[in-house]
């Protein structure tokens, strides 16, 4: 991950993976037939948290790279 492009690509890929898991979880919640209140039980919580953390770290790296260029 030596250059900005590679880091941005990894961030894009990681964000895409996170979005996919969120959509999958929402889709499964919609498939359940309930009357009244629907409670979404996170099935991918650990994976989603890990992906969120990775996105955050990659953003910090990009921010630091940008700051060092100024």
PDB file of N, CA and C in Angstrom:
ATOM      1  N   UNK A   1       0.842  -1.192   0.000  1.00  0.00           N
ATOM      2  CA  UNK A   1       0.000   0.000   0.000  1.00  0.00           C
ATOM      3  C   UNK A   1       0.882   1.248   0.000  1.00  0.00           C
ATOM      4  N   UNK A   2       1.732   1.328  -0.959  1.00  0.00           N
ATOM      5  CA  UNK A   2       2.679   2.428  -0.926  1.00  0.00           C
ATOM      6  C   UNK A   2       2.152   3.704  -1.557  1.00  0.00           C
ATOM      7  N   UNK A   3       1.202   3.605  -2.467  1.00  0.00           N
ATOM      8  CA  UNK A   3       0.752   4.859  -3.059  1.00  0.00           C
ATOM      9  C   UNK A   3      -0.731   5.113  -2.834  1.00  0.00           C
ATOM     10  N   UNK A   4      -1.087   6.348  -3.057  1.00  0.00           N
ATOM     11  CA  UNK A   4      -2.455   6.802  -2.785  1.00  0.00           C
ATOM     12  C   UNK A   4      -3.494   5.996  -3.566  1.00  0.00           C
ATOM     13  N   UNK A   5      -3.218   5.725  -4.825  1.00  0.00           N
ATOM     14  CA  UNK A   5      -4.189   4.998  -5.645  1.00  0.00           C
ATOM     15  C   UNK A   5      -4.512   3.637  -5.041  1.00  0.00           C
ATOM     16  N   UNK A   6      -3.483   2.906  -4.612  1.00  0.00           N
ATOM     17  CA  UNK A   6      -3.718   1.582  -4.024  1.00  0.00           C
ATOM     18  C   UNK A   6      -4.549   1.668  -2.750  1.00  0.00           C
ATOM     19  N   UNK A   7      -4.267   2.667  -1.941  1.00  0.00           N
ATOM     20  CA  UNK A   7      -5.020   2.842  -0.691  1.00  0.00           C
ATOM     21  C   UNK A   7      -6.465   3.225  -0.995  1.00  0.00           C
ATOM     22  N   UNK A   8      -6.667   4.117  -1.957  1.00  0.00           N
ATOM     23  CA  UNK A   8      -8.029   4.503  -2.334  1.00  0.00           C
ATOM     24  C   UNK A   8      -8.789   3.308  -2.892  1.00  0.00           C
ATOM     25  N   UNK A   9      -8.110   2.470  -3.679  1.00  0.00           N
ATOM     26  CA  UNK A   9      -8.765   1.279  -4.233  1.00  0.00           C
ATOM     27  C   UNK A   9      -9.151   0.308  -3.127  1.00  0.00           C
ATOM     28  N   UNK A  10      -8.252   0.113  -2.158  1.00  0.00           N
ATOM     29  CA  UNK A  10      -8.563  -0.765  -1.040  1.00  0.00           C
ATOM     30  C   UNK A  10      -9.729  -0.221  -0.213  1.00  0.00           C
ATOM     31  N   UNK A  11      -9.763   1.100  -0.022  1.00  0.00           N
ATOM     32  CA  UNK A  11     -10.876   1.716   0.698  1.00  0.00           C
ATOM     33  C   UNK A  11     -12.187   1.488  -0.054  1.00  0.00           C
ATOM     34  N   UNK A  12     -12.162   1.673  -1.364  1.00  0.00           N
ATOM     35  CA  UNK A  12     -13.357   1.455  -2.182  1.00  0.00           C
ATOM     36  C   UNK A  12     -13.825   0.003  -2.085  1.00  0.00           C
ATOM     37  N   UNK A  13     -12.891  -0.927  -2.171  1.00  0.00           N
ATOM     38  CA  UNK A  13     -13.239  -2.352  -2.077  1.00  0.00           C
ATOM     39  C   UNK A  13     -13.808  -2.705  -0.708  1.00  0.00           C
ATOM     40  N   UNK A  14     -13.185  -2.173   0.332  1.00  0.00           N
ATOM     41  CA  UNK A  14     -13.642  -2.453   1.697  1.00  0.00           C
ATOM     42  C   UNK A  14     -15.025  -1.861   1.936  1.00  0.00           C
ATOM     43  N   UNK A  15     -15.244  -0.634   1.452  1.00  0.00           N
ATOM     44  CA  UNK A  15     -16.556   0.005   1.598  1.00  0.00           C
ATOM     45  C   UNK A  15     -17.615  -0.780   0.835  1.00  0.00           C
ATOM     46  N   UNK A  16     -17.250  -1.297  -0.321  1.00  0.00           N
ATOM     47  CA  UNK A  16     -18.176  -2.112  -1.110  1.00  0.00           C
ATOM     48  C   UNK A  16     -18.545  -3.396  -0.354  1.00  0.00           C
ATOM     49  N   UNK A  17     -17.553  -4.037   0.259  1.00  0.00           N
ATOM     50  CA  UNK A  17     -17.825  -5.248   1.057  1.00  0.00           C
ATOM     51  C   UNK A  17     -18.763  -4.930   2.213  1.00  0.00           C
ATOM     52  N   UNK A  18     -18.522  -3.802   2.873  1.00  0.00           N
ATOM     53  CA  UNK A  18     -19.370  -3.389   3.993  1.00  0.00           C
ATOM     54  C   UNK A  18     -20.798  -3.122   3.519  1.00  0.00           C
ATOM     55  N   UNK A  19     -20.937  -2.406   2.421  1.00  0.00           N
ATOM     56  CA  UNK A  19     -22.267  -2.126   1.873  1.00  0.00           C
ATOM     57  C   UNK A  19     -22.998  -3.414   1.515  1.00  0.00           C
ATOM     58  N   UNK A  20     -22.277  -4.376   0.969  1.00  0.00           N
ATOM     59  CA  UNK A  20     -22.881  -5.659   0.600  1.00  0.00           C
ATOM     60  C   UNK A  20     -23.433  -6.376   1.841  1.00  0.00           C
ATOM     61  N   UNK A  21     -22.646  -6.396   2.915  1.00  0.00           N
ATOM     62  CA  UNK A  21     -23.120  -7.039   4.146  1.00  0.00           C
ATOM     63  C   UNK A  21     -24.338  -6.319   4.723  1.00  0.00           C
ATOM     64  N   UNK A  22     -24.315  -4.990   4.695  1.00  0.00           N
ATOM     65  CA  UNK A  22     -25.469  -4.219   5.204  1.00  0.00           C
ATOM     66  C   UNK A  22     -26.724  -4.527   4.392  1.00  0.00           C
ATOM     67  N   UNK A  23     -26.581  -4.592   3.081  1.00  0.00           N
ATOM     68  CA  UNK A  23     -27.722  -4.898   2.217  1.00  0.00           C
ATOM     69  C   UNK A  23     -28.229  -6.313   2.457  1.00  0.00           C
ATOM     70  N   UNK A  24     -27.295  -7.241   2.634  1.00  0.00           N
ATOM     71  CA  UNK A  24     -27.677  -8.622   2.900  1.00  0.00           C
ATOM     72  C   UNK A  24     -28.480  -8.725   4.197  1.00  0.00           C
ATOM     73  N   UNK A  25     -28.021  -8.037   5.208  1.00  0.00           N
ATOM     74  CA  UNK A  25     -28.708  -8.066   6.490  1.00  0.00           C
ATOM     75  C   UNK A  25     -30.100  -7.439   6.379  1.00  0.00           C
ATOM     76  N   UNK A  26     -30.192  -6.323   5.678  1.00  0.00           N
ATOM     77  CA  UNK A  26     -31.487  -5.659   5.500  1.00  0.00           C
ATOM     78  C   UNK A  26     -32.436  -6.535   4.686  1.00  0.00           C
ATOM     79  N   UNK A  27     -31.916  -7.189   3.672  1.00  0.00           N
ATOM     80  CA  UNK A  27     -32.738  -8.067   2.833  1.00  0.00           C
ATOM     81  C   UNK A  27     -33.304  -9.215   3.656  1.00  0.00           C
ATOM     82  N   UNK A  28     -32.491  -9.800   4.524  1.00  0.00           N
ATOM     83  CA  UNK A  28     -32.952 -10.906   5.361  1.00  0.00           C
ATOM     84  C   UNK A  28     -34.021 -10.437   6.337  1.00  0.00           C
ATOM     85  N   UNK A  29     -33.886  -9.221   6.828  1.00  0.00           N
ATOM     86  CA  UNK A  29     -34.893  -8.687   7.754  1.00  0.00           C
ATOM     87  C   UNK A  29     -36.221  -8.481   7.037  1.00  0.00           C
ATOM     88  N   UNK A  30     -36.159  -8.045   5.779  1.00  0.00           N
ATOM     89  CA  UNK A  30     -37.399  -7.834   5.019  1.00  0.00           C
ATOM     90  C   UNK A  30     -38.093  -9.146   4.702  1.00  0.00           C
ATOM     91  N   UNK A  31     -37.323 -10.214   4.561  1.00  0.00           N
ATOM     92  CA  UNK A  31     -37.908 -11.509   4.217  1.00  0.00           C
ATOM     93  C   UNK A  31     -38.688 -12.125   5.376  1.00  0.00           C
ATOM     94  N   UNK A  32     -38.342 -11.733   6.575  1.00  0.00           N
ATOM     95  CA  UNK A  32     -39.055 -12.248   7.741  1.00  0.00           C
ATOM     96  C   UNK A  32     -40.429 -11.599   7.808  1.00  0.00           C
ATOM     97  N   UNK A  33     -41.447 -12.413   8.006  1.00  0.00           N
ATOM     98  CA  UNK A  33     -42.802 -11.885   8.064  1.00  0.00           C
ATOM     99  C   UNK A  33     -43.199 -11.702   9.521  1.00  0.00           C
ATOM    100  N   UNK A  34     -43.355 -10.440   9.873  1.00  0.00           N
ATOM    101  CA  UNK A  34     -43.725 -10.098  11.246  1.00  0.00           C
ATOM    102  C   UNK A  34     -44.891  -9.112  11.202  1.00  0.00           C
ATOM    103  N   UNK A  35     -45.691  -9.199  12.214  1.00  0.00           N
ATOM    104  CA  UNK A  35     -46.723  -8.186  12.384  1.00  0.00           C
ATOM    105  C   UNK A  35     -46.214  -7.222  13.448  1.00  0.00           C
ATOM    106  N   UNK A  36     -46.292  -5.953  13.164  1.00  0.00           N
ATOM    107  CA  UNK A  36     -45.850  -4.977  14.155  1.00  0.00           C
ATOM    108  C   UNK A  36     -44.386  -4.631  14.011  1.00  0.00           C
ATOM    109  N   UNK A  37     -43.712  -4.517  15.133  1.00  0.00           N
ATOM    110  CA  UNK A  37     -42.326  -4.074  15.167  1.00  0.00           C
ATOM    111  C   UNK A  37     -41.387  -5.176  14.673  1.00  0.00           C
ATOM    112  N   UNK A  38     -40.429  -4.768  13.850  1.00  0.00           N
ATOM    113  CA  UNK A  38     -39.422  -5.700  13.352  1.00  0.00           C
ATOM    114  C   UNK A  38     -38.107  -5.378  14.034  1.00  0.00           C
ATOM    115  N   UNK A  39     -37.496  -6.371  14.611  1.00  0.00           N
ATOM    116  CA  UNK A  39     -36.191  -6.200  15.249  1.00  0.00           C
ATOM    117  C   UNK A  39     -35.147  -6.859  14.363  1.00  0.00           C
ATOM    118  N   UNK A  40     -34.162  -6.084  13.969  1.00  0.00           N
ATOM    119  CA  UNK A  40     -33.098  -6.627  13.136  1.00  0.00           C
ATOM    120  C   UNK A  40     -31.989  -7.127  14.054  1.00  0.00           C
ATOM    121  N   UNK A  41     -31.730  -8.393  13.982  1.00  0.00           N
ATOM    122  CA  UNK A  41     -30.654  -8.996  14.755  1.00  0.00           C
ATOM    123  C   UNK A  41     -29.412  -9.012  13.868  1.00  0.00           C
ATOM    124  N   UNK A  42     -28.357  -8.339  14.275  1.00  0.00           N
ATOM    125  CA  UNK A  42     -27.159  -8.308  13.435  1.00  0.00           C
ATOM    126  C   UNK A  42     -26.516  -9.686  13.310  1.00  0.00           C
ATOM    127  N   UNK A  43     -26.440 -10.163  12.074  1.00  0.00           N
ATOM    128  CA  UNK A  43     -25.841 -11.467  11.821  1.00  0.00           C
ATOM    129  C   UNK A  43     -24.373 -11.308  11.428  1.00  0.00           C
ATOM    130  N   UNK A  44     -24.032 -10.138  10.940  1.00  0.00           N
ATOM    131  CA  UNK A  44     -22.681  -9.908  10.446  1.00  0.00           C
ATOM    132  C   UNK A  44     -21.979  -8.820  11.253  1.00  0.00           C
ATOM    133  N   UNK A  45     -22.362  -8.673  12.493  1.00  0.00           N
ATOM    134  CA  UNK A  45     -21.872  -7.591  13.329  1.00  0.00           C
ATOM    135  C   UNK A  45     -20.361  -7.510  13.428  1.00  0.00           C
ATOM    136  N   UNK A  46     -19.706  -8.631  13.712  1.00  0.00           N
ATOM    137  CA  UNK A  46     -18.253  -8.623  13.860  1.00  0.00           C
ATOM    138  C   UNK A  46     -17.567  -8.272  12.551  1.00  0.00           C
ATOM    139  N   UNK A  47     -18.052  -8.873  11.462  1.00  0.00           N
ATOM    140  CA  UNK A  47     -17.466  -8.579  10.147  1.00  0.00           C
ATOM    141  C   UNK A  47     -17.672  -7.108   9.772  1.00  0.00           C
ATOM    142  N   UNK A  48     -18.867  -6.617  10.036  1.00  0.00           N
ATOM    143  CA  UNK A  48     -19.170  -5.227   9.694  1.00  0.00           C
ATOM    144  C   UNK A  48     -18.325  -4.269  10.523  1.00  0.00           C
ATOM    145  N   UNK A  49     -18.143  -4.559  11.803  1.00  0.00           N
ATOM    146  CA  UNK A  49     -17.302  -3.708  12.647  1.00  0.00           C
ATOM    147  C   UNK A  49     -15.853  -3.718  12.177  1.00  0.00           C
ATOM    148  N   UNK A  50     -15.360  -4.892  11.787  1.00  0.00           N
ATOM    149  CA  UNK A  50     -13.980  -4.993  11.296  1.00  0.00           C
ATOM    150  C   UNK A  50     -13.815  -4.184  10.006  1.00  0.00           C
ATOM    151  N   UNK A  51     -14.811  -4.257   9.120  1.00  0.00           N
ATOM    152  CA  UNK A  51     -14.743  -3.502   7.867  1.00  0.00           C
ATOM    153  C   UNK A  51     -14.839  -1.999   8.131  1.00  0.00           C
ATOM    154  N   UNK A  52     -15.685  -1.599   9.079  1.00  0.00           N
ATOM    155  CA  UNK A  52     -15.782  -0.177   9.428  1.00  0.00           C
ATOM    156  C   UNK A  52     -14.455   0.340   9.981  1.00  0.00           C
ATOM    157  N   UNK A  53     -13.823  -0.466  10.822  1.00  0.00           N
ATOM    158  CA  UNK A  53     -12.533  -0.089  11.398  1.00  0.00           C
ATOM    159  C   UNK A  53     -11.471   0.032  10.309  1.00  0.00           C
ATOM    160  N   UNK A  54     -11.472  -0.907   9.384  1.00  0.00           N
ATOM    161  CA  UNK A  54     -10.501  -0.867   8.285  1.00  0.00           C
ATOM    162  C   UNK A  54     -10.709   0.381   7.432  1.00  0.00           C
ATOM    163  N   UNK A  55     -11.976   0.709   7.130  1.00  0.00           N
ATOM    164  CA  UNK A  55     -12.284   1.919   6.364  1.00  0.00           C
ATOM    165  C   UNK A  55     -11.779   3.155   7.100  1.00  0.00           C
ATOM    166  N   UNK A  56     -11.997   3.185   8.382  1.00  0.00           N
ATOM    167  CA  UNK A  56     -11.562   4.325   9.190  1.00  0.00           C
ATOM    168  C   UNK A  56     -10.039   4.472   9.142  1.00  0.00           C
ATOM    169  N   UNK A  57      -9.335   3.368   9.285  1.00  0.00           N
ATOM    170  CA  UNK A  57      -7.876   3.408   9.246  1.00  0.00           C
ATOM    171  C   UNK A  57      -7.368   3.861   7.879  1.00  0.00           C
ATOM    172  N   UNK A  58      -7.984   3.361   6.822  1.00  0.00           N
ATOM    173  CA  UNK A  58      -7.564   3.759   5.475  1.00  0.00           C
ATOM    174  C   UNK A  58      -7.823   5.245   5.238  1.00  0.00           C
ATOM    175  N   UNK A  59      -8.947   5.746   5.740  1.00  0.00           N
ATOM    176  CA  UNK A  59      -9.234   7.179   5.606  1.00  0.00           C
ATOM    177  C   UNK A  59      -8.197   8.019   6.352  1.00  0.00           C
ATOM    178  N   UNK A  60      -7.804   7.546   7.552  1.00  0.00           N
ATOM    179  CA  UNK A  60      -6.781   8.273   8.319  1.00  0.00           C
ATOM    180  C   UNK A  60      -5.453   8.300   7.571  1.00  0.00           C
ATOM    181  N   UNK A  61      -5.102   7.200   6.936  1.00  0.00           N
ATOM    182  CA  UNK A  61      -3.864   7.155   6.148  1.00  0.00           C
ATOM    183  C   UNK A  61      -3.939   8.146   4.997  1.00  0.00           C
ATOM    184  N   UNK A  62      -5.068   8.160   4.298  1.00  0.00           N
ATOM    185  CA  UNK A  62      -5.229   9.099   3.179  1.00  0.00           C
ATOM    186  C   UNK A  62      -5.182  10.546   3.667  1.00  0.00           C
ATOM    187  N   UNK A  63      -5.822  10.817   4.798  1.00  0.00           N
ATOM    188  CA  UNK A  63      -5.790  12.176   5.366  1.00  0.00           C
ATOM    189  C   UNK A  63      -4.363  12.585   5.722  1.00  0.00           C
ATOM    190  N   UNK A  64      -3.603  11.646   6.309  1.00  0.00           N
ATOM    191  CA  UNK A  64      -2.223  11.947   6.681  1.00  0.00           C
ATOM    192  C   UNK A  64      -1.364  12.189   5.436  1.00  0.00           C
ATOM    193  N   UNK A  65      -1.615  11.414   4.401  1.00  0.00           N
ATOM    194  CA  UNK A  65      -0.869  11.603   3.147  1.00  0.00           C
ATOM    195  C   UNK A  65      -1.168  12.988   2.571  1.00  0.00           C
ATOM    196  N   UNK A  66      -2.440  13.354   2.600  1.00  0.00           N
ATOM    197  CA  UNK A  66      -2.846  14.653   2.069  1.00  0.00           C
ATOM    198  C   UNK A  66      -2.224  15.784   2.887  1.00  0.00           C
ATOM    199  N   UNK A  67      -2.219  15.640   4.207  1.00  0.00           N
ATOM    200  CA  UNK A  67      -1.650  16.666   5.075  1.00  0.00           C
ATOM    201  C   UNK A  67      -0.142  16.815   4.862  1.00  0.00           C
ATOM    202  N   UNK A  68       0.536  15.711   4.573  1.00  0.00           N
ATOM    203  CA  UNK A  68       1.978  15.778   4.387  1.00  0.00           C
ATOM    204  C   UNK A  68       2.352  16.419   3.055  1.00  0.00           C
ATOM    205  N   UNK A  69       1.410  16.442   2.126  1.00  0.00           N
ATOM    206  CA  UNK A  69       1.670  17.073   0.827  1.00  0.00           C
ATOM    207  C   UNK A  69       1.572  18.583   0.899  1.00  0.00           C
ATOM    208  N   UNK A  70       0.858  19.090   1.910  1.00  0.00           N
ATOM    209  CA  UNK A  70       0.678  20.546   2.042  1.00  0.00           C
ATOM    210  C   UNK A  70       1.910  21.240   2.522  1.00  0.00           C
TER     211      UNK A  70
END
